[in-house]
Amino acid sequence: MAALPDAELLQRHIDGAADAFSEIVRRHRDRMWAVALRTLGDPDEAADAVQDAFVSAFRKAAGFRGEAAVSTWLHRIVVNACLDRLRRKSLRPVADDELVEAAERDSPMPDQTGDRELAMEVTAALRHLPPDQRAALVLVDMMGYSVDEAARVLEVPTGTVKSRCARGRAKLAPFLAHLRNRPDVSGVSSPKGAELRDG
């Protein structure tokens, strides 16, 4: 079953195959977790959002129309779960030790203190953005999605994604300006754009 395409796995789930959806979760949970953590900035909230999203996907699988990739559909559900949480309540401040723990779980690299500190600073700065701008920046600048892919996930025009990213980068600039001249910012997953460039 592991070699089957996502769409076929989803169809098998719809048809009643017991392990099909578990395989989809196994394939995509790490990336979904990364999106949720970077969007919400809170490990507990991110875990809850991912869980809610997968439960929702499990229940709504029959409504999947195949107009986008299964991964895009899942990302849309996760991002919506995150945005719902951000809109429903103001998230509690995250303690530094929680961010370190989250950065260690999320980082694909071994222990590199400078990278973790940078990730923590960027995550903290993202909390200053409205949810829609934050989601766009996470997808494009942190997760590496193209503007077109992010637009499909967010279900908005590409121009809206570009606008949200530009406004978000401008708002982040004062919070991250001190990183411009740091020699260790290259190669770290962080928002690209004006806030990390000179000028």
C-alpha atoms as a PDB file:
ATOM      1  CA  MET A   1       0.000   0.000   0.000  1.00  0.00           C
ATOM      2  CA  ALA A   2       2.957   2.306   0.628  1.00  0.00           C
ATOM      3  CA  ALA A   3       3.701   2.536  -3.123  1.00  0.00           C
ATOM      4  CA  LEU A   4       0.199   3.666  -4.081  1.00  0.00           C
ATOM      5  CA  PRO A   5      -0.399   7.301  -5.084  1.00  0.00           C
ATOM      6  CA  ASP A   6      -2.150   9.492  -2.541  1.00  0.00           C
ATOM      7  CA  ALA A   7      -5.304   9.783  -4.629  1.00  0.00           C
ATOM      8  CA  GLU A   8      -5.632   6.006  -4.877  1.00  0.00           C
ATOM      9  CA  LEU A   9      -5.060   5.630  -1.147  1.00  0.00           C
ATOM     10  CA  LEU A  10      -7.770   8.177  -0.475  1.00  0.00           C
ATOM     11  CA  GLN A  11     -10.159   6.315  -2.767  1.00  0.00           C
ATOM     12  CA  ARG A  12      -9.370   3.077  -0.953  1.00  0.00           C
ATOM     13  CA  HIS A  13     -10.156   4.804   2.322  1.00  0.00           C
ATOM     14  CA  ILE A  14     -13.487   5.971   0.890  1.00  0.00           C
ATOM     15  CA  ASP A  15     -14.136   2.391  -0.235  1.00  0.00           C
ATOM     16  CA  GLY A  16     -13.535   1.111   3.301  1.00  0.00           C
ATOM     17  CA  ALA A  17      -9.897  -0.060   3.336  1.00  0.00           C
ATOM     18  CA  ALA A  18      -8.893   0.018   6.998  1.00  0.00           C
ATOM     19  CA  ASP A  19      -5.246   1.142   6.697  1.00  0.00           C
ATOM     20  CA  ALA A  20      -5.423   3.469   3.696  1.00  0.00           C
ATOM     21  CA  PHE A  21      -5.942   6.710   5.611  1.00  0.00           C
ATOM     22  CA  SER A  22      -3.252   5.776   8.137  1.00  0.00           C
ATOM     23  CA  GLU A  23      -0.764   5.620   5.279  1.00  0.00           C
ATOM     24  CA  ILE A  24      -1.827   9.082   4.093  1.00  0.00           C
ATOM     25  CA  VAL A  25      -1.314  10.419   7.625  1.00  0.00           C
ATOM     26  CA  ARG A  26       2.095   8.737   7.850  1.00  0.00           C
ATOM     27  CA  ARG A  27       3.200  10.343   4.576  1.00  0.00           C
ATOM     28  CA  HIS A  28       2.051  13.862   5.348  1.00  0.00           C
ATOM     29  CA  ARG A  29       1.961  14.379   9.116  1.00  0.00           C
ATOM     30  CA  ASP A  30       5.470  15.838   9.465  1.00  0.00           C
ATOM     31  CA  ARG A  31       4.896  18.498   6.830  1.00  0.00           C
ATOM     32  CA  MET A  32       1.440  19.272   8.210  1.00  0.00           C
ATOM     33  CA  TRP A  33       2.945  19.598  11.687  1.00  0.00           C
ATOM     34  CA  ALA A  34       5.597  22.005  10.373  1.00  0.00           C
ATOM     35  CA  VAL A  35       2.951  24.200   8.704  1.00  0.00           C
ATOM     36  CA  ALA A  36       0.786  24.232  11.827  1.00  0.00           C
ATOM     37  CA  LEU A  37       3.672  24.944  14.198  1.00  0.00           C
ATOM     38  CA  ARG A  38       4.999  27.803  12.099  1.00  0.00           C
ATOM     39  CA  THR A  39       1.538  29.258  11.590  1.00  0.00           C
ATOM     40  CA  LEU A  40       0.450  29.029  15.226  1.00  0.00           C
ATOM     41  CA  GLY A  41       3.796  29.314  17.018  1.00  0.00           C
ATOM     42  CA  ASP A  42       2.509  27.077  19.815  1.00  0.00           C
ATOM     43  CA  PRO A  43       3.297  23.342  19.913  1.00  0.00           C
ATOM     44  CA  ASP A  44       0.119  22.371  21.769  1.00  0.00           C
ATOM     45  CA  GLU A  45      -2.111  24.409  19.480  1.00  0.00           C
ATOM     46  CA  ALA A  46      -0.296  23.049  16.426  1.00  0.00           C
ATOM     47  CA  ALA A  47      -0.767  19.457  17.575  1.00  0.00           C
ATOM     48  CA  ASP A  48      -4.469  20.087  18.172  1.00  0.00           C
ATOM     49  CA  ALA A  49      -4.871  21.775  14.790  1.00  0.00           C
ATOM     50  CA  VAL A  50      -3.200  18.884  12.964  1.00  0.00           C
ATOM     51  CA  GLN A  51      -5.308  16.362  14.816  1.00  0.00           C
ATOM     52  CA  ASP A  52      -8.484  18.317  14.036  1.00  0.00           C
ATOM     53  CA  ALA A  53      -7.434  18.593  10.396  1.00  0.00           C
ATOM     54  CA  PHE A  54      -6.791  14.877   9.954  1.00  0.00           C
ATOM     55  CA  VAL A  55     -10.084  14.016  11.654  1.00  0.00           C
ATOM     56  CA  SER A  56     -11.820  16.431   9.310  1.00  0.00           C
ATOM     57  CA  ALA A  57     -10.031  14.965   6.272  1.00  0.00           C
ATOM     58  CA  PHE A  58     -10.950  11.441   7.389  1.00  0.00           C
ATOM     59  CA  ARG A  59     -14.623  12.392   7.611  1.00  0.00           C
ATOM     60  CA  LYS A  60     -14.748  14.538   4.467  1.00  0.00           C
ATOM     61  CA  ALA A  61     -12.705  12.276   2.199  1.00  0.00           C
ATOM     62  CA  ALA A  62     -15.708  11.434   0.046  1.00  0.00           C
ATOM     63  CA  GLY A  63     -15.990  15.123  -0.823  1.00  0.00           C
ATOM     64  CA  PHE A  64     -12.484  15.226  -2.299  1.00  0.00           C
ATOM     65  CA  ARG A  65     -13.026  16.120  -5.956  1.00  0.00           C
ATOM     66  CA  GLY A  66      -9.514  15.484  -7.232  1.00  0.00           C
ATOM     67  CA  GLU A  67      -9.136  19.024  -8.589  1.00  0.00           C
ATOM     68  CA  ALA A  68      -5.897  19.407  -6.622  1.00  0.00           C
ATOM     69  CA  ALA A  69      -3.330  17.006  -5.228  1.00  0.00           C
ATOM     70  CA  VAL A  70      -4.233  15.212  -2.011  1.00  0.00           C
ATOM     71  CA  SER A  71      -1.319  17.005  -0.322  1.00  0.00           C
ATOM     72  CA  THR A  72      -2.730  20.399  -1.388  1.00  0.00           C
ATOM     73  CA  TRP A  73      -6.153  19.381  -0.067  1.00  0.00           C
ATOM     74  CA  LEU A  74      -4.606  18.332   3.264  1.00  0.00           C
ATOM     75  CA  HIS A  75      -2.593  21.543   3.530  1.00  0.00           C
ATOM     76  CA  ARG A  76      -5.770  23.540   2.923  1.00  0.00           C
ATOM     77  CA  ILE A  77      -7.520  21.706   5.761  1.00  0.00           C
ATOM     78  CA  VAL A  78      -4.553  22.201   8.128  1.00  0.00           C
ATOM     79  CA  VAL A  79      -4.178  25.893   7.285  1.00  0.00           C
ATOM     80  CA  ASN A  80      -7.916  26.421   7.768  1.00  0.00           C
ATOM     81  CA  ALA A  81      -7.748  24.644  11.132  1.00  0.00           C
ATOM     82  CA  CYS A  82      -4.889  26.948  12.139  1.00  0.00           C
ATOM     83  CA  LEU A  83      -6.654  30.087  10.934  1.00  0.00           C
ATOM     84  CA  ASP A  84      -9.801  29.060  12.805  1.00  0.00           C
ATOM     85  CA  ARG A  85      -7.781  28.753  16.005  1.00  0.00           C
ATOM     86  CA  LEU A  86      -6.084  32.104  15.464  1.00  0.00           C
ATOM     87  CA  ARG A  87      -9.393  33.838  14.808  1.00  0.00           C
ATOM     88  CA  ARG A  88     -11.266  32.198  17.699  1.00  0.00           C
ATOM     89  CA  LYS A  89      -8.885  33.261  20.399  1.00  0.00           C
ATOM     90  CA  SER A  90      -5.705  35.040  21.143  1.00  0.00           C
ATOM     91  CA  LEU A  91      -3.071  32.367  21.666  1.00  0.00           C
ATOM     92  CA  ARG A  92      -1.310  32.357  24.990  1.00  0.00           C
ATOM     93  CA  PRO A  93       2.319  33.511  24.973  1.00  0.00           C
ATOM     94  CA  VAL A  94       4.731  30.674  24.309  1.00  0.00           C
ATOM     95  CA  ALA A  95       7.557  30.099  26.775  1.00  0.00           C
ATOM     96  CA  ASP A  96      11.090  30.066  25.387  1.00  0.00           C
ATOM     97  CA  ASP A  97      11.640  26.446  26.424  1.00  0.00           C
ATOM     98  CA  GLU A  98       8.537  25.393  24.451  1.00  0.00           C
ATOM     99  CA  LEU A  99       9.890  27.092  21.346  1.00  0.00           C
ATOM    100  CA  VAL A 100      13.272  25.391  21.766  1.00  0.00           C
ATOM    101  CA  GLU A 101      11.559  22.021  22.125  1.00  0.00           C
ATOM    102  CA  ALA A 102       9.376  22.698  19.082  1.00  0.00           C
ATOM    103  CA  ALA A 103      12.333  23.885  17.010  1.00  0.00           C
ATOM    104  CA  GLU A 104      14.241  20.707  17.887  1.00  0.00           C
ATOM    105  CA  ARG A 105      11.290  18.535  16.827  1.00  0.00           C
ATOM    106  CA  ASP A 106      10.707  20.489  13.632  1.00  0.00           C
ATOM    107  CA  SER A 107      14.308  20.975  12.549  1.00  0.00           C
ATOM    108  CA  PRO A 108      15.678  18.497   9.997  1.00  0.00           C
ATOM    109  CA  MET A 109      19.198  19.385  11.127  1.00  0.00           C
ATOM    110  CA  PRO A 110      21.130  18.138  14.154  1.00  0.00           C
ATOM    111  CA  ASP A 111      21.654  20.340  17.204  1.00  0.00           C
ATOM    112  CA  GLN A 112      22.631  23.765  15.899  1.00  0.00           C
ATOM    113  CA  THR A 113      21.984  26.396  18.520  1.00  0.00           C
ATOM    114  CA  GLY A 114      22.207  29.358  16.156  1.00  0.00           C
ATOM    115  CA  ASP A 115      19.594  27.873  13.839  1.00  0.00           C
ATOM    116  CA  ARG A 116      17.219  27.163  16.727  1.00  0.00           C
ATOM    117  CA  GLU A 117      17.605  30.691  18.051  1.00  0.00           C
ATOM    118  CA  LEU A 118      16.920  32.135  14.614  1.00  0.00           C
ATOM    119  CA  ALA A 119      13.864  29.920  14.176  1.00  0.00           C
ATOM    120  CA  MET A 120      12.590  31.074  17.578  1.00  0.00           C
ATOM    121  CA  GLU A 121      13.067  34.735  16.670  1.00  0.00           C
ATOM    122  CA  VAL A 122      11.241  34.297  13.367  1.00  0.00           C
ATOM    123  CA  THR A 123       8.404  32.361  15.016  1.00  0.00           C
ATOM    124  CA  ALA A 124       8.028  35.069  17.649  1.00  0.00           C
ATOM    125  CA  ALA A 125       7.993  37.782  14.980  1.00  0.00           C
ATOM    126  CA  LEU A 126       5.329  35.951  12.968  1.00  0.00           C
ATOM    127  CA  ARG A 127       2.934  36.342  15.908  1.00  0.00           C
ATOM    128  CA  HIS A 128       2.738  40.051  15.105  1.00  0.00           C
ATOM    129  CA  LEU A 129       1.078  39.361  11.743  1.00  0.00           C
ATOM    130  CA  PRO A 130      -2.622  38.937  11.022  1.00  0.00           C
ATOM    131  CA  PRO A 131      -3.528  35.262  10.454  1.00  0.00           C
ATOM    132  CA  ASP A 132      -3.964  35.574   6.677  1.00  0.00           C
ATOM    133  CA  GLN A 133      -0.556  37.197   6.178  1.00  0.00           C
ATOM    134  CA  ARG A 134       1.063  34.707   8.538  1.00  0.00           C
ATOM    135  CA  ALA A 135      -0.363  31.728   6.643  1.00  0.00           C
ATOM    136  CA  ALA A 136       0.810  33.094   3.287  1.00  0.00           C
ATOM    137  CA  LEU A 137       4.335  33.776   4.577  1.00  0.00           C
ATOM    138  CA  VAL A 138       4.622  30.366   6.227  1.00  0.00           C
ATOM    139  CA  LEU A 139       3.671  28.585   3.013  1.00  0.00           C
ATOM    140  CA  VAL A 140       5.769  30.692   0.631  1.00  0.00           C
ATOM    141  CA  ASP A 141       8.781  31.803   2.655  1.00  0.00           C
ATOM    142  CA  MET A 142       9.170  29.016   5.212  1.00  0.00           C
ATOM    143  CA  MET A 143       7.753  25.923   3.516  1.00  0.00           C
ATOM    144  CA  GLY A 144       9.006  26.778   0.041  1.00  0.00           C
ATOM    145  CA  TYR A 145       5.683  26.720  -1.798  1.00  0.00           C
ATOM    146  CA  SER A 146       5.377  28.682  -5.022  1.00  0.00           C
ATOM    147  CA  VAL A 147       2.872  31.531  -5.011  1.00  0.00           C
ATOM    148  CA  ASP A 148       0.615  29.436  -7.279  1.00  0.00           C
ATOM    149  CA  GLU A 149       0.743  26.461  -4.885  1.00  0.00           C
ATOM    150  CA  ALA A 150       0.056  28.676  -1.874  1.00  0.00           C
ATOM    151  CA  ALA A 151      -2.879  30.247  -3.706  1.00  0.00           C
ATOM    152  CA  ARG A 152      -4.364  26.787  -4.275  1.00  0.00           C
ATOM    153  CA  VAL A 153      -3.921  25.867  -0.609  1.00  0.00           C
ATOM    154  CA  LEU A 154      -5.409  29.145   0.629  1.00  0.00           C
ATOM    155  CA  GLU A 155      -8.061  29.225  -2.112  1.00  0.00           C
ATOM    156  CA  VAL A 156      -7.303  32.828  -3.042  1.00  0.00           C
ATOM    157  CA  PRO A 157      -5.925  34.466  -6.222  1.00  0.00           C
ATOM    158  CA  THR A 158      -2.153  34.509  -6.693  1.00  0.00           C
ATOM    159  CA  GLY A 159      -2.204  38.309  -6.459  1.00  0.00           C
ATOM    160  CA  THR A 160      -3.709  38.039  -2.984  1.00  0.00           C
ATOM    161  CA  VAL A 161      -0.901  35.718  -1.872  1.00  0.00           C
ATOM    162  CA  LYS A 162       1.716  38.115  -3.276  1.00  0.00           C
ATOM    163  CA  SER A 163       0.048  41.050  -1.538  1.00  0.00           C
ATOM    164  CA  ARG A 164      -0.225  39.232   1.806  1.00  0.00           C
ATOM    165  CA  CYS A 165       3.417  38.162   1.599  1.00  0.00           C
ATOM    166  CA  ALA A 166       4.595  41.681   0.735  1.00  0.00           C
ATOM    167  CA  ARG A 167       2.589  43.269   3.552  1.00  0.00           C
ATOM    168  CA  GLY A 168       3.708  40.550   5.978  1.00  0.00           C
ATOM    169  CA  ARG A 169       7.380  40.984   5.085  1.00  0.00           C
ATOM    170  CA  ALA A 170       7.071  44.734   5.562  1.00  0.00           C
ATOM    171  CA  LYS A 171       5.533  44.233   9.010  1.00  0.00           C
ATOM    172  CA  LEU A 172       8.222  41.708   9.975  1.00  0.00           C
ATOM    173  CA  ALA A 173      11.107  43.959   8.922  1.00  0.00           C
ATOM    174  CA  PRO A 174      11.328  45.957  12.189  1.00  0.00           C
ATOM    175  CA  PHE A 175      11.253  42.778  14.278  1.00  0.00           C
ATOM    176  CA  LEU A 176      13.973  41.019  12.271  1.00  0.00           C
ATOM    177  CA  ALA A 177      16.136  43.938  11.106  1.00  0.00           C
ATOM    178  CA  HIS A 178      18.860  42.978  13.586  1.00  0.00           C
ATOM    179  CA  LEU A 179      19.370  39.700  11.667  1.00  0.00           C
ATOM    180  CA  ARG A 180      20.462  41.358   8.422  1.00  0.00           C
ATOM    181  CA  ASN A 181      24.169  41.251   9.144  1.00  0.00           C
ATOM    182  CA  ARG A 182      24.287  37.941  11.006  1.00  0.00           C
ATOM    183  CA  PRO A 183      26.612  35.478   9.239  1.00  0.00           C
ATOM    184  CA  ASP A 184      24.538  32.464  10.338  1.00  0.00           C
ATOM    185  CA  VAL A 185      21.229  33.339   8.681  1.00  0.00           C
ATOM    186  CA  SER A 186      21.993  31.596   5.409  1.00  0.00           C
ATOM    187  CA  GLY A 187      20.600  28.097   5.026  1.00  0.00           C
ATOM    188  CA  VAL A 188      18.035  28.477   7.778  1.00  0.00           C
ATOM    189  CA  SER A 189      14.345  28.057   7.098  1.00  0.00           C
ATOM    190  CA  SER A 190      13.089  31.528   7.799  1.00  0.00           C
ATOM    191  CA  PRO A 191      11.032  34.109   5.973  1.00  0.00           C
ATOM    192  CA  LYS A 192      12.913  35.257   2.928  1.00  0.00           C
ATOM    193  CA  GLY A 193      12.413  38.739   1.733  1.00  0.00           C
ATOM    194  CA  ALA A 194      13.251  42.253   2.758  1.00  0.00           C
ATOM    195  CA  GLU A 195      13.667  41.501   6.441  1.00  0.00           C
ATOM    196  CA  LEU A 196      16.804  39.427   5.857  1.00  0.00           C
ATOM    197  CA  ARG A 197      18.279  41.436   3.026  1.00  0.00           C
ATOM    198  CA  ASP A 198      20.370  44.552   3.177  1.00  0.00           C
ATOM    199  CA  GLY A 199      18.810  47.691   1.858  1.00  0.00           C
END
